[in-house]
Amino acid sequence: DYALAYANAIDIVGLFGQELQHTGSFPTWREVETGIGTRPSGTGDQMYQNVSRAMWVADTAAVRFRKILPDPEKRFELASVLMWGGFAHFLLADNFCALTFHGGAPVTPKNGYERAKAAFDDAVTVATAANRVDVLRGALGGRARVKLMLGDYAGARTDARLVPQGFRLQALYGNNTRENNAVATNTTTLIRREAGVHPRFYNDAQFKVDPRTSFRDKGDTAKGPDPIRKFVEQLKYPARDTPIPVFTWQEARLIEAEAELQLGNPGAAVTLINQVRAAAGLAAYSGAATAAAVRAQLIFERQAELWLQAHSLVDWRRFTLTFATQPRDQCFEIGQLEFDTNPNLR
């Protein structure tokens, strides 16, 4: 359920955050691309439903595991669902203007981050007791991301440092329809060209040569089904069963770098950025060491390293970026189905 929600969110957030542009026949995708998020639509509703389902499954499983499993506080199963529930809370908090949990009253994104932190706190404790280092590192990464969003920069740095080089938590996909990587199924030539790489990537010299933003540009004659817009194919997720990174050691280093910047240590931030660049086979950053210059480089690194991983909207908002067409909404509205069924929204 989380994998399905995540891939769907990458498509929709990618359109909203101008990582992708609509080249196909879905009218609601074109609407999202223009920056319309706070008028309930089929697209926003579907994303809200998918994430809410994943969150409900994780939260409910945690309650049931604690009732039926022997010694549950030392079980991998409990640690795992707590971790995935934390990441599901994140998807809502990052992208929606207000949130509801299990039919409750609407709360702010900050409340969503706090709930995510509570889930990750719990996952860290249980994973430690269960001696599951993989889940522990995923939960620490998620908690570092939460602390960054909540402004706890020292805490974010502490947790991120515990995620070692080489760590990679992935959402897994398959060839069963519901298990498809929905980014691949909507953005590749062999499956469907509903969306292609946005011009701000394929027209930018830095992104063209960066291996983290890999795409195929066949020129102006390659069109999508619309058939007006140029279609440039992303190559990060080429197949229905390609896994998608959820949290990696590279993101941990970028969280550390941002925390160091916020704490007044731009030199330390550059060192961390260069670790990420080296892993991608790129030359070290050689620009100015000022806080402003390093911040600009950090933003670029996040755009490249976390490309098509559902980070673009929250980063556009919190870094006050200006690449997006104006005016546009800042976040998505709660899904229409939630409005129709939740008495706290009437």
Protein backbone atom coordinates (compact mmCIF):
# COMPACT_ATOMS: atom_id res chain seq x y z
CA ASP A 1 0.00 0.00 0.00
CA TYR A 2 2.83 2.42 0.76
CA ALA A 3 4.60 1.58 -2.50
CA LEU A 4 1.41 2.26 -4.48
CA ALA A 5 0.84 5.57 -2.70
CA TYR A 6 4.46 6.62 -3.09
CA ALA A 7 4.66 6.03 -6.85
CA ASN A 8 1.35 7.86 -7.34
CA ALA A 9 2.61 10.77 -5.24
CA ILE A 10 5.84 10.96 -7.27
CA ASP A 11 3.79 11.41 -10.45
CA ILE A 12 1.49 14.08 -9.02
CA VAL A 13 4.07 15.94 -6.94
CA GLY A 14 6.44 15.75 -9.90
CA LEU A 15 3.90 17.54 -12.07
CA PHE A 16 3.13 20.14 -9.42
CA GLY A 17 6.81 20.72 -8.63
CA GLN A 18 7.86 20.90 -12.29
CA GLU A 19 9.97 17.78 -12.43
CA LEU A 20 7.52 16.43 -15.03
CA GLN A 21 5.27 18.03 -17.62
CA HIS A 22 2.00 16.60 -18.86
CA THR A 23 2.28 15.26 -22.40
CA GLY A 24 -0.73 12.95 -22.54
CA SER A 25 -4.50 12.88 -22.24
CA PHE A 26 -5.30 13.16 -18.51
CA PRO A 27 -6.97 16.58 -18.03
CA THR A 28 -6.51 16.53 -14.26
CA TRP A 29 -2.76 16.06 -14.73
CA ARG A 30 -2.60 19.22 -16.84
CA GLU A 31 -4.55 21.01 -14.09
CA VAL A 32 -2.10 19.89 -11.41
CA GLU A 33 0.85 20.94 -13.55
CA THR A 34 -0.50 24.51 -13.72
CA GLY A 35 -0.43 24.71 -9.91
CA ILE A 36 -4.02 23.95 -9.00
CA GLY A 37 -4.04 21.90 -5.80
CA THR A 38 -6.60 23.40 -3.43
CA ARG A 39 -9.69 22.72 -5.51
CA PRO A 40 -10.72 19.10 -4.92
CA SER A 41 -10.01 17.03 -8.02
CA GLY A 42 -9.84 13.39 -8.98
CA THR A 43 -6.05 13.52 -8.96
CA GLY A 44 -5.64 15.06 -5.52
CA ASP A 45 -8.41 12.83 -4.17
CA GLN A 46 -6.70 9.68 -5.43
CA MET A 47 -3.36 10.66 -3.88
CA TYR A 48 -5.03 11.45 -0.54
CA GLN A 49 -6.89 8.13 -0.56
CA ASN A 50 -3.79 6.11 -1.44
CA VAL A 51 -1.65 7.66 1.29
CA SER A 52 -4.46 7.47 3.86
CA ARG A 53 -4.93 3.78 3.10
CA ALA A 54 -1.23 3.07 3.59
CA MET A 55 -1.26 5.00 6.85
CA TRP A 56 -4.38 3.18 8.12
CA VAL A 57 -2.93 -0.23 7.25
CA ALA A 58 0.31 0.56 9.11
CA ASP A 59 -1.38 2.06 12.16
CA THR A 60 -3.95 -0.76 12.39
CA ALA A 61 -1.30 -3.45 11.92
CA ALA A 62 0.72 -1.95 14.78
CA VAL A 63 -2.30 -2.17 17.11
CA ARG A 64 -3.04 -5.76 16.07
CA PHE A 65 0.57 -6.92 16.29
CA ARG A 66 0.74 -5.60 19.84
CA LYS A 67 -2.32 -7.67 20.70
CA ILE A 68 -1.45 -10.99 19.07
CA LEU A 69 2.33 -11.33 18.73
CA PRO A 70 4.36 -12.76 21.61
CA ASP A 71 6.79 -10.18 23.00
CA PRO A 72 5.72 -7.65 20.31
CA GLU A 73 8.09 -4.88 21.41
CA LYS A 74 10.98 -7.01 20.15
CA ARG A 75 9.43 -8.01 16.83
CA PHE A 76 10.57 -7.06 13.35
CA GLU A 77 6.96 -7.02 12.13
CA LEU A 78 5.98 -4.25 14.54
CA ALA A 79 9.12 -2.21 13.88
CA SER A 80 8.51 -2.45 10.13
CA VAL A 81 4.91 -1.24 10.12
CA LEU A 82 5.78 1.59 12.50
CA MET A 83 8.53 2.74 10.11
CA TRP A 84 6.32 2.57 7.01
CA GLY A 85 3.54 4.35 8.87
CA GLY A 86 5.96 7.16 9.64
CA PHE A 87 6.79 7.58 5.96
CA ALA A 88 3.08 7.54 5.05
CA HIS A 89 2.41 10.36 7.52
CA PHE A 90 5.24 12.21 5.81
CA LEU A 91 3.64 12.07 2.39
CA LEU A 92 0.52 13.76 3.75
CA ALA A 93 2.37 16.35 5.83
CA ASP A 94 4.71 17.31 2.98
CA ASN A 95 2.04 17.79 0.35
CA PHE A 96 -1.37 18.62 1.84
CA CYS A 97 -2.61 21.88 3.36
CA ALA A 98 -4.46 20.04 6.13
CA LEU A 99 -4.67 16.38 7.15
CA THR A 100 -7.06 14.00 8.79
CA PHE A 101 -6.24 10.75 10.54
CA HIS A 102 -8.70 7.86 10.59
CA GLY A 103 -11.77 10.07 10.11
CA GLY A 104 -10.76 12.62 12.72
CA ALA A 105 -10.76 16.41 12.70
CA PRO A 106 -8.40 18.25 10.33
CA VAL A 107 -4.96 19.15 11.67
CA THR A 108 -1.98 21.08 10.35
CA PRO A 109 1.02 19.60 8.49
CA LYS A 110 3.07 20.29 11.64
CA ASN A 111 0.79 17.87 13.50
CA GLY A 112 1.41 15.37 10.71
CA TYR A 113 5.16 15.67 11.13
CA GLU A 114 4.78 15.24 14.89
CA ARG A 115 2.76 12.06 14.36
CA ALA A 116 5.41 10.82 11.94
CA LYS A 117 8.10 11.50 14.54
CA ALA A 118 6.15 9.54 17.15
CA ALA A 119 5.94 6.59 14.75
CA PHE A 120 9.66 6.78 13.98
CA ASP A 121 10.51 7.09 17.70
CA ASP A 122 8.53 3.94 18.32
CA ALA A 123 10.12 2.17 15.34
CA VAL A 124 13.64 3.04 16.56
CA THR A 125 12.90 1.54 19.97
CA VAL A 126 11.34 -1.67 18.63
CA ALA A 127 13.90 -2.16 15.84
CA THR A 128 16.71 -1.78 18.38
CA ALA A 129 15.12 -4.40 20.62
CA ALA A 130 14.50 -6.67 17.62
CA ASN A 131 18.12 -6.24 16.46
CA ARG A 132 16.92 -5.24 12.97
CA VAL A 133 19.57 -2.80 11.80
CA ASP A 134 17.89 -2.29 8.41
CA VAL A 135 14.62 -1.06 9.93
CA LEU A 136 16.49 0.93 12.57
CA ARG A 137 18.41 2.86 9.92
CA GLY A 138 15.26 3.48 7.89
CA ALA A 139 13.50 4.80 10.98
CA LEU A 140 16.48 6.99 11.92
CA GLY A 141 16.51 8.41 8.40
CA GLY A 142 12.81 9.14 8.55
CA ARG A 143 13.19 10.76 11.95
CA ALA A 144 16.10 12.88 10.72
CA ARG A 145 13.85 14.12 7.90
CA VAL A 146 11.07 14.89 10.39
CA LYS A 147 13.38 16.81 12.69
CA LEU A 148 14.65 18.84 9.74
CA MET A 149 11.09 19.82 8.83
CA LEU A 150 10.33 20.71 12.46
CA GLY A 151 13.42 22.91 12.74
CA ASP A 152 15.37 20.64 15.11
CA TYR A 153 18.60 20.93 13.14
CA ALA A 154 20.92 19.51 15.78
CA GLY A 155 18.60 16.54 16.25
CA ALA A 156 18.32 16.00 12.50
CA ARG A 157 22.11 16.00 12.21
CA THR A 158 22.46 13.49 15.04
CA ASP A 159 20.02 11.01 13.50
CA ALA A 160 21.33 11.44 9.95
CA ARG A 161 24.88 10.71 11.10
CA LEU A 162 23.69 7.26 12.22
CA VAL A 163 22.74 6.31 8.64
CA PRO A 164 25.94 4.87 7.13
CA GLN A 165 27.22 5.08 3.58
CA GLY A 166 25.62 2.43 1.40
CA PHE A 167 22.22 2.39 3.14
CA ARG A 168 19.23 2.33 0.81
CA LEU A 169 15.57 1.80 1.76
CA GLN A 170 13.41 1.10 -1.28
CA ALA A 171 9.77 0.70 -2.22
CA LEU A 172 9.48 -2.51 -4.24
CA TYR A 173 7.32 -3.08 -7.30
CA GLY A 174 6.28 -5.95 -9.56
CA ASN A 175 4.47 -6.83 -12.76
CA ASN A 176 1.06 -7.31 -11.17
CA THR A 177 -0.99 -4.23 -12.12
CA ARG A 178 -1.49 -2.92 -8.59
CA GLU A 179 2.17 -3.52 -7.84
CA ASN A 180 3.43 -1.56 -10.86
CA ASN A 181 5.85 1.32 -10.49
CA ALA A 182 3.35 3.98 -11.61
CA VAL A 183 6.13 6.42 -12.49
CA ALA A 184 7.47 4.00 -15.09
CA THR A 185 4.00 3.15 -16.39
CA ASN A 186 3.20 6.81 -17.08
CA THR A 187 6.52 8.26 -18.24
CA THR A 188 8.23 5.75 -20.54
CA THR A 189 8.06 5.28 -24.30
CA LEU A 190 7.38 1.54 -24.15
CA ILE A 191 4.45 1.86 -21.72
CA ARG A 192 2.75 5.27 -21.68
CA ARG A 193 3.93 8.84 -22.39
CA GLU A 194 1.48 10.58 -20.08
CA ALA A 195 4.23 12.80 -18.68
CA GLY A 196 7.78 13.61 -19.68
CA VAL A 197 10.73 15.39 -18.13
CA HIS A 198 10.03 19.07 -17.52
CA PRO A 199 11.92 21.59 -19.71
CA ARG A 200 13.59 23.14 -16.69
CA PHE A 201 15.57 19.90 -16.45
CA TYR A 202 16.21 19.02 -20.08
CA ASN A 203 17.11 22.62 -20.95
CA ASP A 204 19.54 22.99 -18.03
CA ALA A 205 23.20 22.20 -18.77
CA GLN A 206 23.85 20.97 -15.21
CA PHE A 207 20.97 18.48 -15.19
CA LYS A 208 21.84 17.28 -18.71
CA VAL A 209 25.20 15.94 -17.57
CA ASP A 210 24.23 14.86 -14.05
CA PRO A 211 23.82 11.05 -13.90
CA ARG A 212 21.21 11.42 -11.16
CA THR A 213 18.79 13.12 -13.58
CA SER A 214 19.06 10.67 -16.43
CA PHE A 215 16.74 11.20 -19.39
CA ARG A 216 16.49 10.57 -23.15
CA ASP A 217 15.90 13.62 -25.36
CA LYS A 218 15.08 12.70 -28.96
CA GLY A 219 14.53 16.29 -30.05
CA ASP A 220 11.57 18.47 -30.89
CA THR A 221 9.90 15.92 -33.16
CA ALA A 222 9.33 13.52 -30.25
CA LYS A 223 5.87 14.34 -28.94
CA GLY A 224 3.57 12.97 -26.35
CA PRO A 225 0.05 11.75 -27.12
CA ASP A 226 -1.32 15.27 -26.62
CA PRO A 227 0.44 15.63 -29.45
CA ILE A 228 1.85 19.14 -29.00
CA ARG A 229 4.38 19.00 -26.21
CA LYS A 230 7.86 17.59 -26.57
CA PHE A 231 8.27 14.27 -24.78
CA VAL A 232 11.57 13.64 -23.00
CA GLU A 233 11.75 10.24 -21.32
CA GLN A 234 13.00 9.85 -17.75
CA LEU A 235 15.38 6.90 -17.36
CA LYS A 236 15.51 6.67 -13.56
CA TYR A 237 12.62 4.17 -13.48
CA PRO A 238 12.61 2.28 -16.79
CA ALA A 239 10.33 -0.65 -15.95
CA ARG A 240 7.18 -1.64 -14.08
CA ASP A 241 9.24 -3.44 -11.43
CA THR A 242 11.98 -0.84 -10.92
CA PRO A 243 12.33 -0.08 -7.17
CA ILE A 244 12.10 3.52 -5.94
CA PRO A 245 14.36 4.91 -3.20
CA VAL A 246 12.48 5.95 -0.06
CA PHE A 247 15.49 6.94 2.01
CA THR A 248 19.21 6.69 1.19
CA TRP A 249 22.52 7.52 2.80
CA GLN A 250 22.85 10.35 0.25
CA GLU A 251 19.70 11.99 1.58
CA ALA A 252 21.09 11.57 5.09
CA ARG A 253 24.24 13.49 4.11
CA LEU A 254 22.15 16.24 2.51
CA ILE A 255 20.07 16.49 5.70
CA GLU A 256 23.31 16.82 7.65
CA ALA A 257 24.53 19.46 5.20
CA GLU A 258 21.35 21.49 5.58
CA ALA A 259 21.54 21.20 9.35
CA GLU A 260 25.16 22.37 9.31
CA LEU A 261 24.17 25.36 7.20
CA GLN A 262 21.38 26.24 9.60
CA LEU A 263 23.80 25.90 12.51
CA GLY A 264 26.31 28.26 10.88
CA ASN A 265 28.80 25.72 9.48
CA PRO A 266 28.90 26.11 5.67
CA GLY A 267 32.32 24.47 5.42
CA ALA A 268 31.01 21.28 7.03
CA ALA A 269 28.03 21.41 4.66
CA VAL A 270 30.37 21.50 1.64
CA THR A 271 32.24 18.42 2.88
CA LEU A 272 28.96 16.50 3.12
CA ILE A 273 27.76 17.71 -0.27
CA ASN A 274 31.01 16.52 -1.82
CA GLN A 275 30.51 13.03 -0.39
CA VAL A 276 27.21 12.84 -2.25
CA ARG A 277 28.71 14.22 -5.45
CA ALA A 278 31.63 11.79 -5.30
CA ALA A 279 29.25 8.85 -5.06
CA ALA A 280 27.63 10.02 -8.31
CA GLY A 281 31.02 10.37 -10.00
CA LEU A 282 30.86 14.18 -10.01
CA ALA A 283 33.58 16.71 -9.29
CA ALA A 284 33.66 18.37 -5.90
CA TYR A 285 31.87 21.67 -5.40
CA SER A 286 34.36 24.47 -6.09
CA GLY A 287 32.19 27.56 -5.63
CA ALA A 288 32.16 30.17 -2.91
CA ALA A 289 32.06 29.05 0.71
CA THR A 290 29.51 31.66 1.74
CA ALA A 291 26.28 30.51 3.35
CA ALA A 292 24.23 31.82 0.41
CA ALA A 293 26.35 30.05 -2.21
CA VAL A 294 26.39 26.77 -0.32
CA ARG A 295 22.63 26.98 0.21
CA ALA A 296 22.14 27.37 -3.56
CA GLN A 297 24.34 24.32 -4.16
CA LEU A 298 22.44 22.33 -1.54
CA ILE A 299 19.17 23.12 -3.32
CA PHE A 300 20.65 21.91 -6.60
CA GLU A 301 21.92 18.72 -4.97
CA ARG A 302 18.50 17.97 -3.54
CA GLN A 303 16.85 18.60 -6.91
CA ALA A 304 19.26 16.18 -8.60
CA GLU A 305 19.74 13.51 -5.91
CA LEU A 306 16.06 13.37 -4.89
CA TRP A 307 14.63 13.87 -8.38
CA LEU A 308 11.31 12.07 -8.84
CA GLN A 309 11.07 11.06 -5.18
CA ALA A 310 8.18 13.39 -4.15
CA HIS A 311 10.36 16.09 -2.55
CA SER A 312 9.93 18.90 -5.09
CA LEU A 313 6.76 20.51 -3.69
CA VAL A 314 7.88 20.73 -0.08
CA ASP A 315 11.35 21.94 -1.14
CA TRP A 316 9.86 24.55 -3.49
CA ARG A 317 7.75 25.82 -0.60
CA ARG A 318 10.32 25.81 2.20
CA PHE A 319 13.20 27.18 0.12
CA THR A 320 10.84 29.74 -1.52
CA LEU A 321 12.01 28.76 -5.00
CA THR A 322 10.74 30.74 -7.98
CA PHE A 323 11.05 28.29 -10.86
CA ALA A 324 7.33 27.46 -10.89
CA THR A 325 4.80 29.35 -12.96
CA GLN A 326 2.96 31.87 -10.80
CA PRO A 327 0.45 32.17 -9.24
CA ARG A 328 0.00 28.66 -7.93
CA ASP A 329 -1.22 26.89 -4.84
CA GLN A 330 1.21 25.92 -2.09
CA CYS A 331 -0.21 22.48 -1.32
CA PHE A 332 -3.03 20.06 -2.08
CA GLU A 333 -6.50 20.11 -0.60
CA ILE A 334 -7.82 17.20 1.45
CA GLY A 335 -9.31 14.62 -0.92
CA GLN A 336 -12.97 14.96 -1.94
CA LEU A 337 -13.86 11.47 -0.74
CA GLU A 338 -12.60 12.43 2.73
CA PHE A 339 -14.87 15.49 2.64
CA ASP A 340 -17.80 13.28 1.61
CA THR A 341 -17.32 10.69 4.37
CA ASN A 342 -15.69 12.50 7.30
CA PRO A 343 -18.29 14.25 9.54
CA ASN A 344 -15.54 16.48 11.00
CA LEU A 345 -15.20 18.22 7.61
CA ARG A 346 -18.87 19.09 7.12
